[in-house]
PDB file of N, CA and C in Angstrom:
ATOM      1  N   MET A   1       0.824  -1.192   0.000  1.00  0.00           N
ATOM      2  CA  MET A   1       0.000   0.000   0.000  1.00  0.00           C
ATOM      3  C   MET A   1       0.864   1.249   0.000  1.00  0.00           C
ATOM      4  N   ASP A   2       1.943   1.255   0.768  1.00  0.00           N
ATOM      5  CA  ASP A   2       2.787   2.441   0.841  1.00  0.00           C
ATOM      6  C   ASP A   2       3.442   2.752  -0.496  1.00  0.00           C
ATOM      7  N   GLU A   3       3.861   1.725  -1.230  1.00  0.00           N
ATOM      8  CA  GLU A   3       4.474   1.958  -2.541  1.00  0.00           C
ATOM      9  C   GLU A   3       3.458   2.567  -3.501  1.00  0.00           C
ATOM     10  N   MET A   4       2.249   2.047  -3.489  1.00  0.00           N
ATOM     11  CA  MET A   4       1.205   2.576  -4.353  1.00  0.00           C
ATOM     12  C   MET A   4       0.890   4.028  -3.968  1.00  0.00           C
ATOM     13  N   PHE A   5       0.820   4.296  -2.677  1.00  0.00           N
ATOM     14  CA  PHE A   5       0.554   5.648  -2.183  1.00  0.00           C
ATOM     15  C   PHE A   5       1.654   6.606  -2.642  1.00  0.00           C
ATOM     16  N   HIS A   6       2.899   6.210  -2.466  1.00  0.00           N
ATOM     17  CA  HIS A   6       4.029   7.055  -2.862  1.00  0.00           C
ATOM     18  C   HIS A   6       4.019   7.291  -4.374  1.00  0.00           C
ATOM     19  N   HIS A   7       3.799   6.236  -5.151  1.00  0.00           N
ATOM     20  CA  HIS A   7       3.766   6.346  -6.612  1.00  0.00           C
ATOM     21  C   HIS A   7       2.682   7.331  -7.051  1.00  0.00           C
ATOM     22  N   THR A   8       1.526   7.230  -6.441  1.00  0.00           N
ATOM     23  CA  THR A   8       0.416   8.121  -6.785  1.00  0.00           C
ATOM     24  C   THR A   8       0.747   9.566  -6.441  1.00  0.00           C
ATOM     25  N   MET A   9       1.357   9.771  -5.288  1.00  0.00           N
ATOM     26  CA  MET A   9       1.676  11.132  -4.858  1.00  0.00           C
ATOM     27  C   MET A   9       2.735  11.772  -5.762  1.00  0.00           C
ATOM     28  N   VAL A  10       3.714  10.998  -6.186  1.00  0.00           N
ATOM     29  CA  VAL A  10       4.816  11.523  -6.990  1.00  0.00           C
ATOM     30  C   VAL A  10       4.391  11.744  -8.436  1.00  0.00           C
ATOM     31  N   ASN A  11       3.604  10.851  -8.996  1.00  0.00           N
ATOM     32  CA  ASN A  11       3.313  10.866 -10.425  1.00  0.00           C
ATOM     33  C   ASN A  11       1.963  11.468 -10.800  1.00  0.00           C
ATOM     34  N   SER A  12       1.251  12.041  -9.865  1.00  0.00           N
ATOM     35  CA  SER A  12      -0.084  12.556 -10.172  1.00  0.00           C
ATOM     36  C   SER A  12      -0.288  13.927  -9.546  1.00  0.00           C
ATOM     37  N   MET A  13      -1.145  14.669 -10.178  1.00  0.00           N
ATOM     38  CA  MET A  13      -1.605  15.923  -9.583  1.00  0.00           C
ATOM     39  C   MET A  13      -2.967  15.633  -8.969  1.00  0.00           C
ATOM     40  N   ILE A  14      -3.028  15.610  -7.668  1.00  0.00           N
ATOM     41  CA  ILE A  14      -4.253  15.267  -6.962  1.00  0.00           C
ATOM     42  C   ILE A  14      -4.790  16.528  -6.295  1.00  0.00           C
ATOM     43  N   PRO A  15      -6.072  16.785  -6.447  1.00  0.00           N
ATOM     44  CA  PRO A  15      -6.655  17.944  -5.758  1.00  0.00           C
ATOM     45  C   PRO A  15      -6.444  17.843  -4.247  1.00  0.00           C
ATOM     46  N   ARG A  16      -6.303  18.984  -3.616  1.00  0.00           N
ATOM     47  CA  ARG A  16      -6.018  19.030  -2.188  1.00  0.00           C
ATOM     48  C   ARG A  16      -7.058  18.260  -1.363  1.00  0.00           C
ATOM     49  N   SER A  17      -8.324  18.400  -1.705  1.00  0.00           N
ATOM     50  CA  SER A  17      -9.371  17.709  -0.940  1.00  0.00           C
ATOM     51  C   SER A  17      -9.233  16.189  -1.063  1.00  0.00           C
ATOM     52  N   ASP A  18      -8.874  15.720  -2.258  1.00  0.00           N
ATOM     53  CA  ASP A  18      -8.671  14.279  -2.449  1.00  0.00           C
ATOM     54  C   ASP A  18      -7.446  13.798  -1.683  1.00  0.00           C
ATOM     55  N   LEU A  19      -6.401  14.606  -1.704  1.00  0.00           N
ATOM     56  CA  LEU A  19      -5.180  14.247  -0.978  1.00  0.00           C
ATOM     57  C   LEU A  19      -5.466  14.143   0.516  1.00  0.00           C
ATOM     58  N   GLN A  20      -6.231  15.080   1.031  1.00  0.00           N
ATOM     59  CA  GLN A  20      -6.583  15.046   2.449  1.00  0.00           C
ATOM     60  C   GLN A  20      -7.381  13.783   2.769  1.00  0.00           C
ATOM     61  N   ALA A  21      -8.313  13.424   1.905  1.00  0.00           N
ATOM     62  CA  ALA A  21      -9.114  12.212   2.122  1.00  0.00           C
ATOM     63  C   ALA A  21      -8.229  10.967   2.095  1.00  0.00           C
ATOM     64  N   ILE A  22      -7.288  10.920   1.161  1.00  0.00           N
ATOM     65  CA  ILE A  22      -6.373   9.772   1.070  1.00  0.00           C
ATOM     66  C   ILE A  22      -5.565   9.641   2.351  1.00  0.00           C
ATOM     67  N   ILE A  23      -5.048  10.759   2.832  1.00  0.00           N
ATOM     68  CA  ILE A  23      -4.241  10.737   4.057  1.00  0.00           C
ATOM     69  C   ILE A  23      -5.087  10.289   5.247  1.00  0.00           C
ATOM     70  N   GLU A  24      -6.315  10.779   5.340  1.00  0.00           N
ATOM     71  CA  GLU A  24      -7.196  10.373   6.440  1.00  0.00           C
ATOM     72  C   GLU A  24      -7.507   8.882   6.380  1.00  0.00           C
ATOM     73  N   TYR A  25      -7.788   8.356   5.176  1.00  0.00           N
ATOM     74  CA  TYR A  25      -8.076   6.924   5.039  1.00  0.00           C
ATOM     75  C   TYR A  25      -6.856   6.082   5.378  1.00  0.00           C
ATOM     76  N   LYS A  26      -5.691   6.531   4.952  1.00  0.00           N
ATOM     77  CA  LYS A  26      -4.450   5.810   5.266  1.00  0.00           C
ATOM     78  C   LYS A  26      -4.243   5.776   6.786  1.00  0.00           C
ATOM     79  N   HIS A  27      -4.514   6.890   7.438  1.00  0.00           N
ATOM     80  CA  HIS A  27      -4.399   6.957   8.898  1.00  0.00           C
ATOM     81  C   HIS A  27      -5.397   6.002   9.563  1.00  0.00           C
ATOM     82  N   GLN A  28      -6.643   6.009   9.096  1.00  0.00           N
ATOM     83  CA  GLN A  28      -7.665   5.130   9.660  1.00  0.00           C
ATOM     84  C   GLN A  28      -7.280   3.662   9.506  1.00  0.00           C
ATOM     85  N   MET A  29      -6.702   3.311   8.359  1.00  0.00           N
ATOM     86  CA  MET A  29      -6.274   1.925   8.136  1.00  0.00           C
ATOM     87  C   MET A  29      -5.192   1.536   9.135  1.00  0.00           C
ATOM     88  N   LYS A  30      -4.253   2.436   9.400  1.00  0.00           N
ATOM     89  CA  LYS A  30      -3.175   2.147  10.348  1.00  0.00           C
ATOM     90  C   LYS A  30      -3.731   2.006  11.766  1.00  0.00           C
ATOM     91  N   VAL A  31      -4.686   2.851  12.130  1.00  0.00           N
ATOM     92  CA  VAL A  31      -5.312   2.752  13.450  1.00  0.00           C
ATOM     93  C   VAL A  31      -6.008   1.402  13.599  1.00  0.00           C
ATOM     94  N   ILE A  32      -6.708   0.969  12.563  1.00  0.00           N
ATOM     95  CA  ILE A  32      -7.380  -0.335  12.594  1.00  0.00           C
ATOM     96  C   ILE A  32      -6.360  -1.457  12.748  1.00  0.00           C
ATOM     97  N   GLN A  33      -5.239  -1.370  12.018  1.00  0.00           N
ATOM     98  CA  GLN A  33      -4.192  -2.389  12.133  1.00  0.00           C
ATOM     99  C   GLN A  33      -3.631  -2.437  13.553  1.00  0.00           C
ATOM    100  N   LEU A  34      -3.395  -1.273  14.146  1.00  0.00           N
ATOM    101  CA  LEU A  34      -2.870  -1.230  15.513  1.00  0.00           C
ATOM    102  C   LEU A  34      -3.876  -1.796  16.511  1.00  0.00           C
ATOM    103  N   ASN A  35      -5.154  -1.475  16.331  1.00  0.00           N
ATOM    104  CA  ASN A  35      -6.184  -2.040  17.209  1.00  0.00           C
ATOM    105  C   ASN A  35      -6.249  -3.554  17.076  1.00  0.00           C
ATOM    106  N   LEU A  36      -6.129  -4.058  15.861  1.00  0.00           N
ATOM    107  CA  LEU A  36      -6.133  -5.506  15.650  1.00  0.00           C
ATOM    108  C   LEU A  36      -4.947  -6.153  16.359  1.00  0.00           C
ATOM    109  N   GLN A  37      -3.767  -5.550  16.241  1.00  0.00           N
ATOM    110  CA  GLN A  37      -2.583  -6.083  16.924  1.00  0.00           C
ATOM    111  C   GLN A  37      -2.791  -6.091  18.438  1.00  0.00           C
ATOM    112  N   ARG A  38      -3.350  -5.001  18.963  1.00  0.00           N
ATOM    113  CA  ARG A  38      -3.571  -4.898  20.409  1.00  0.00           C
ATOM    114  C   ARG A  38      -4.550  -5.961  20.880  1.00  0.00           C
ATOM    115  N   TRP A  39      -5.691  -6.110  20.201  1.00  0.00           N
ATOM    116  CA  TRP A  39      -6.686  -7.077  20.631  1.00  0.00           C
ATOM    117  C   TRP A  39      -6.220  -8.512  20.414  1.00  0.00           C
ATOM    118  N   THR A  40      -5.405  -8.725  19.392  1.00  0.00           N
ATOM    119  CA  THR A  40      -4.827 -10.057  19.195  1.00  0.00           C
ATOM    120  C   THR A  40      -3.926 -10.402  20.371  1.00  0.00           C
ATOM    121  N   ARG A  41      -3.140  -9.428  20.818  1.00  0.00           N
ATOM    122  CA  ARG A  41      -2.253  -9.660  21.972  1.00  0.00           C
ATOM    123  C   ARG A  41      -3.075  -9.912  23.234  1.00  0.00           C
ATOM    124  N   TYR A  42      -4.137  -9.130  23.447  1.00  0.00           N
ATOM    125  CA  TYR A  42      -5.010  -9.365  24.603  1.00  0.00           C
ATOM    126  C   TYR A  42      -5.574 -10.779  24.563  1.00  0.00           C
ATOM    127  N   TYR A  43      -5.981 -11.198  23.376  1.00  0.00           N
ATOM    128  CA  TYR A  43      -6.538 -12.543  23.230  1.00  0.00           C
ATOM    129  C   TYR A  43      -5.490 -13.600  23.574  1.00  0.00           C
ATOM    130  N   GLU A  44      -4.272 -13.419  23.028  1.00  0.00           N
ATOM    131  CA  GLU A  44      -3.209 -14.398  23.283  1.00  0.00           C
ATOM    132  C   GLU A  44      -2.902 -14.503  24.772  1.00  0.00           C
ATOM    133  N   VAL A  45      -2.817 -13.370  25.461  1.00  0.00           N
ATOM    134  CA  VAL A  45      -2.563 -13.378  26.904  1.00  0.00           C
ATOM    135  C   VAL A  45      -3.725 -14.048  27.632  1.00  0.00           C
ATOM    136  N   GLY A  46      -4.952 -13.743  27.213  1.00  0.00           N
ATOM    137  CA  GLY A  46      -6.119 -14.359  27.839  1.00  0.00           C
ATOM    138  C   GLY A  46      -6.129 -15.866  27.685  1.00  0.00           C
ATOM    139  N   VAL A  47      -5.710 -16.353  26.529  1.00  0.00           N
ATOM    140  CA  VAL A  47      -5.648 -17.796  26.302  1.00  0.00           C
ATOM    141  C   VAL A  47      -4.539 -18.411  27.150  1.00  0.00           C
ATOM    142  N   GLU A  48      -3.374 -17.766  27.157  1.00  0.00           N
ATOM    143  CA  GLU A  48      -2.249 -18.290  27.941  1.00  0.00           C
ATOM    144  C   GLU A  48      -2.591 -18.367  29.428  1.00  0.00           C
ATOM    145  N   GLU A  49      -3.291 -17.372  29.921  1.00  0.00           N
ATOM    146  CA  GLU A  49      -3.651 -17.323  31.343  1.00  0.00           C
ATOM    147  C   GLU A  49      -4.991 -18.000  31.624  1.00  0.00           C
ATOM    148  N   GLN A  50      -5.591 -18.563  30.589  1.00  0.00           N
ATOM    149  CA  GLN A  50      -6.891 -19.242  30.674  1.00  0.00           C
ATOM    150  C   GLN A  50      -7.968 -18.324  31.254  1.00  0.00           C
ATOM    151  N   LEU A  51      -8.005 -17.087  30.739  1.00  0.00           N
ATOM    152  CA  LEU A  51      -8.988 -16.104  31.188  1.00  0.00           C
ATOM    153  C   LEU A  51     -10.234 -16.094  30.312  1.00  0.00           C
ATOM    154  N   TRP A  52     -10.114 -16.639  29.108  1.00  0.00           N
ATOM    155  CA  TRP A  52     -11.229 -16.586  28.163  1.00  0.00           C
ATOM    156  C   TRP A  52     -12.042 -17.864  28.226  1.00  0.00           C
ATOM    157  N   SER A  53     -13.331 -17.729  28.028  1.00  0.00           N
ATOM    158  CA  SER A  53     -14.199 -18.901  28.003  1.00  0.00           C
ATOM    159  C   SER A  53     -14.020 -19.643  26.677  1.00  0.00           C
ATOM    160  N   ILE A  54     -14.482 -20.852  26.615  1.00  0.00           N
ATOM    161  CA  ILE A  54     -14.406 -21.671  25.401  1.00  0.00           C
ATOM    162  C   ILE A  54     -15.146 -20.985  24.255  1.00  0.00           C
ATOM    163  N   GLU A  55     -16.294 -20.358  24.546  1.00  0.00           N
ATOM    164  CA  GLU A  55     -17.084 -19.713  23.500  1.00  0.00           C
ATOM    165  C   GLU A  55     -16.302 -18.591  22.825  1.00  0.00           C
ATOM    166  N   VAL A  56     -15.595 -17.800  23.619  1.00  0.00           N
ATOM    167  CA  VAL A  56     -14.799 -16.703  23.064  1.00  0.00           C
ATOM    168  C   VAL A  56     -13.683 -17.268  22.197  1.00  0.00           C
ATOM    169  N   LYS A  57     -13.030 -18.307  22.656  1.00  0.00           N
ATOM    170  CA  LYS A  57     -11.948 -18.927  21.885  1.00  0.00           C
ATOM    171  C   LYS A  57     -12.466 -19.427  20.541  1.00  0.00           C
ATOM    172  N   GLU A  58     -13.622 -20.094  20.562  1.00  0.00           N
ATOM    173  CA  GLU A  58     -14.176 -20.642  19.324  1.00  0.00           C
ATOM    174  C   GLU A  58     -14.570 -19.536  18.352  1.00  0.00           C
ATOM    175  N   LYS A  59     -15.195 -18.484  18.844  1.00  0.00           N
ATOM    176  CA  LYS A  59     -15.611 -17.383  17.971  1.00  0.00           C
ATOM    177  C   LYS A  59     -14.410 -16.691  17.348  1.00  0.00           C
ATOM    178  N   LEU A  60     -13.356 -16.468  18.134  1.00  0.00           N
ATOM    179  CA  LEU A  60     -12.178 -15.810  17.588  1.00  0.00           C
ATOM    180  C   LEU A  60     -11.476 -16.724  16.590  1.00  0.00           C
ATOM    181  N   SER A  61     -11.465 -18.025  16.841  1.00  0.00           N
ATOM    182  CA  SER A  61     -10.866 -18.965  15.890  1.00  0.00           C
ATOM    183  C   SER A  61     -11.580 -18.906  14.551  1.00  0.00           C
ATOM    184  N   ILE A  62     -12.886 -18.884  14.577  1.00  0.00           N
ATOM    185  CA  ILE A  62     -13.669 -18.815  13.337  1.00  0.00           C
ATOM    186  C   ILE A  62     -13.401 -17.495  12.630  1.00  0.00           C
ATOM    187  N   LYS A  63     -13.388 -16.392  13.379  1.00  0.00           N
ATOM    188  CA  LYS A  63     -13.156 -15.067  12.796  1.00  0.00           C
ATOM    189  C   LYS A  63     -11.762 -15.002  12.175  1.00  0.00           C
ATOM    190  N   THR A  64     -10.759 -15.508  12.881  1.00  0.00           N
ATOM    191  CA  THR A  64      -9.391 -15.497  12.374  1.00  0.00           C
ATOM    192  C   THR A  64      -9.285 -16.321  11.103  1.00  0.00           C
ATOM    193  N   SER A  65      -9.929 -17.470  11.077  1.00  0.00           N
ATOM    194  CA  SER A  65      -9.923 -18.319   9.892  1.00  0.00           C
ATOM    195  C   SER A  65     -10.552 -17.597   8.708  1.00  0.00           C
ATOM    196  N   ASP A  66     -11.683 -16.934   8.944  1.00  0.00           N
ATOM    197  CA  ASP A  66     -12.348 -16.177   7.877  1.00  0.00           C
ATOM    198  C   ASP A  66     -11.454 -15.055   7.360  1.00  0.00           C
ATOM    199  N   GLU A  67     -10.769 -14.350   8.270  1.00  0.00           N
ATOM    200  CA  GLU A  67      -9.889 -13.253   7.865  1.00  0.00           C
ATOM    201  C   GLU A  67      -8.720 -13.768   7.027  1.00  0.00           C
ATOM    202  N   LYS A  68      -8.172 -14.913   7.399  1.00  0.00           N
ATOM    203  CA  LYS A  68      -7.063 -15.483   6.629  1.00  0.00           C
ATOM    204  C   LYS A  68      -7.527 -15.888   5.233  1.00  0.00           C
ATOM    205  N   GLN A  69      -8.710 -16.484   5.146  1.00  0.00           N
ATOM    206  CA  GLN A  69      -9.244 -16.863   3.839  1.00  0.00           C
ATOM    207  C   GLN A  69      -9.485 -15.630   2.982  1.00  0.00           C
ATOM    208  N   TYR A  70      -9.985 -14.551   3.585  1.00  0.00           N
ATOM    209  CA  TYR A  70     -10.219 -13.310   2.849  1.00  0.00           C
ATOM    210  C   TYR A  70      -8.897 -12.719   2.378  1.00  0.00           C
ATOM    211  N   ALA A  71      -7.877 -12.734   3.234  1.00  0.00           N
ATOM    212  CA  ALA A  71      -6.568 -12.191   2.861  1.00  0.00           C
ATOM    213  C   ALA A  71      -5.989 -12.957   1.674  1.00  0.00           C
ATOM    214  N   ILE A  72      -6.143 -14.272   1.670  1.00  0.00           N
ATOM    215  CA  ILE A  72      -5.657 -15.085   0.552  1.00  0.00           C
ATOM    216  C   ILE A  72      -6.448 -14.738  -0.709  1.00  0.00           C
ATOM    217  N   TYR A  73      -7.752 -14.538  -0.563  1.00  0.00           N
ATOM    218  CA  TYR A  73      -8.622 -14.232  -1.703  1.00  0.00           C
ATOM    219  C   TYR A  73      -8.251 -12.908  -2.367  1.00  0.00           C
ATOM    220  N   ILE A  74      -7.923 -11.886  -1.577  1.00  0.00           N
ATOM    221  CA  ILE A  74      -7.653 -10.572  -2.163  1.00  0.00           C
ATOM    222  C   ILE A  74      -6.230 -10.429  -2.678  1.00  0.00           C
ATOM    223  N   GLN A  75      -5.364 -11.371  -2.385  1.00  0.00           N
ATOM    224  CA  GLN A  75      -3.975 -11.263  -2.855  1.00  0.00           C
ATOM    225  C   GLN A  75      -3.840 -11.642  -4.272  1.00  0.00           C
TER     226      GLN A  75
END
């Protein structure tokens, strides 16, 4: 994503309003990635310390599996 962003910025004339929107979306994507990393770590600690119920473990396993399949699909 960063290479595409840089290429677009260098090789295109983008209106200021569009550039601002691109920067805001890029920021939002990074915030989402950081939140995912944080909650993944919370989950891992909860599993290690056996703080999570079986239902939570199963739901997160299914969600993680779906996300991995989606990531493979979009690549």
